[in-house]
Amino acid sequence: MNRLRIRHVTGYHYKGNVTASYNEARMLPASSDGQVVLHSHLAISPTSSQHHYVDYFGTRVAAFEQLDQHHELSLTADSLVELRPRGSQDGSISWAELAIAVEKTVGSVENTVQTKLTAPPDEVAERAREFAAAAADPEAAAREICAWIYDEVQYMSGITGVHTTAAEAWAHKKGVCQDITHLALGALRSIGIPARYVSGYLHPSRDPQIGETIAGESHAWVEWFDGEWQGFDPTNMLEIRDRHVIVGRGRDYRDVPPLRGVYAGPSSSKLFVTVEITRES
C-alpha cells in the first residue's frame, strides 16, 4: 500500500491583461476501486469562487470564472491518496461473450466508437486484427496490442501536442503517454474491445522512498473492457497497481484536460505545469 501526496500546479502567463476568463479544472482525484482520497483541495489565484460537479464520465470538475483583470492564472491542486493494488479478474471472457456483454451497457458501447484523436492508421488497425485473430481471448489480444505499440513508438516529448492524433503520432513513431494511449485505444476499439482514456499520475519510482519528494507529471493510460474494466499502462508496460492515481476517464484526452477555458484579452499565453509527488507511507 502506498500513500502519495501530489501537488499539481498549472496555469497561464498572459501577454497583457485578461479582462475575463471562464474555466474548468479536472485535477482532483476521486475515491474508487484501489484508491481512497484522504484529502484534496484546489486553490486558484486570483481567488475565485468554485462550482464543483461530477461530469458524465465520473470525473470531478471545478468550474470557475475570473472577472477581474489579471495577467496570470494559477491553480494548485493538493491531494493525499491511499493506494492499494488493484485486483485483476481471473481470466478473460471469450470473443463471443464479449460481443454480448458490450451490448448490455451504454458505457461499453460508446467506448467502441473512434474519435478524431483515436482513429488508427490502416497499419495499426490491420495489425490489431492480426493479434485478435491469433489471440485466445480479448485480454490476450489487448496485451499483445499494448506490447506492440510499446515496442514501435518511442517515448519522446516535444514532438507532439495535445491536438496530435493517433495517426500523426504513428507517422512520427514518437510521442508521449497521451499519444501512446490514443494509439492503444484506436487499436483496441478497431477490433471491438471497448476502451477508455484514463488520466492521472504515476509515481515514476518502482520503489519510492518515504518522505522523498520527486518531480512528476500528468500521465495517461488505458482501461479496456472484457467483462470487467481493466487498466494497463502501455507507455511503461505496467499493470495498474499502487503507483497510479486516477483523476479522470473519457473517450480521449479532450474529455479530461487538467485545465480548459476561454478568456478575453491578448491573443497569446504560455502554459506552465509542475507536478510534485511524495510517498508518505
Foldseek 3Di string as FASTA:
>chain_A
DFKKKKKKKKWWAAPDKFQKKKKKFQADADDDAFKHWPDKDKAKPVGWDWDWDADPQGFIMTITMDRHIDRMIMMIMITIMFGFFGDDDDDFDAPVVQVVVQVPDPLSVVLLDADQQQAADPVLQVVLVVLVVPDRHLVSSLLVSLQVLLVQAAEDPPPDDPPHHLHNSNVVSYYHQQNSQSPSSNNSSSVPWRKKKWKFWFDPDPDADAPDKDWTDIHMWMWTDRPHTATARSNVRDGDTGGTGTRGMDSGVVVHPRMDIDTGDDPDIDMDITMMMHTND
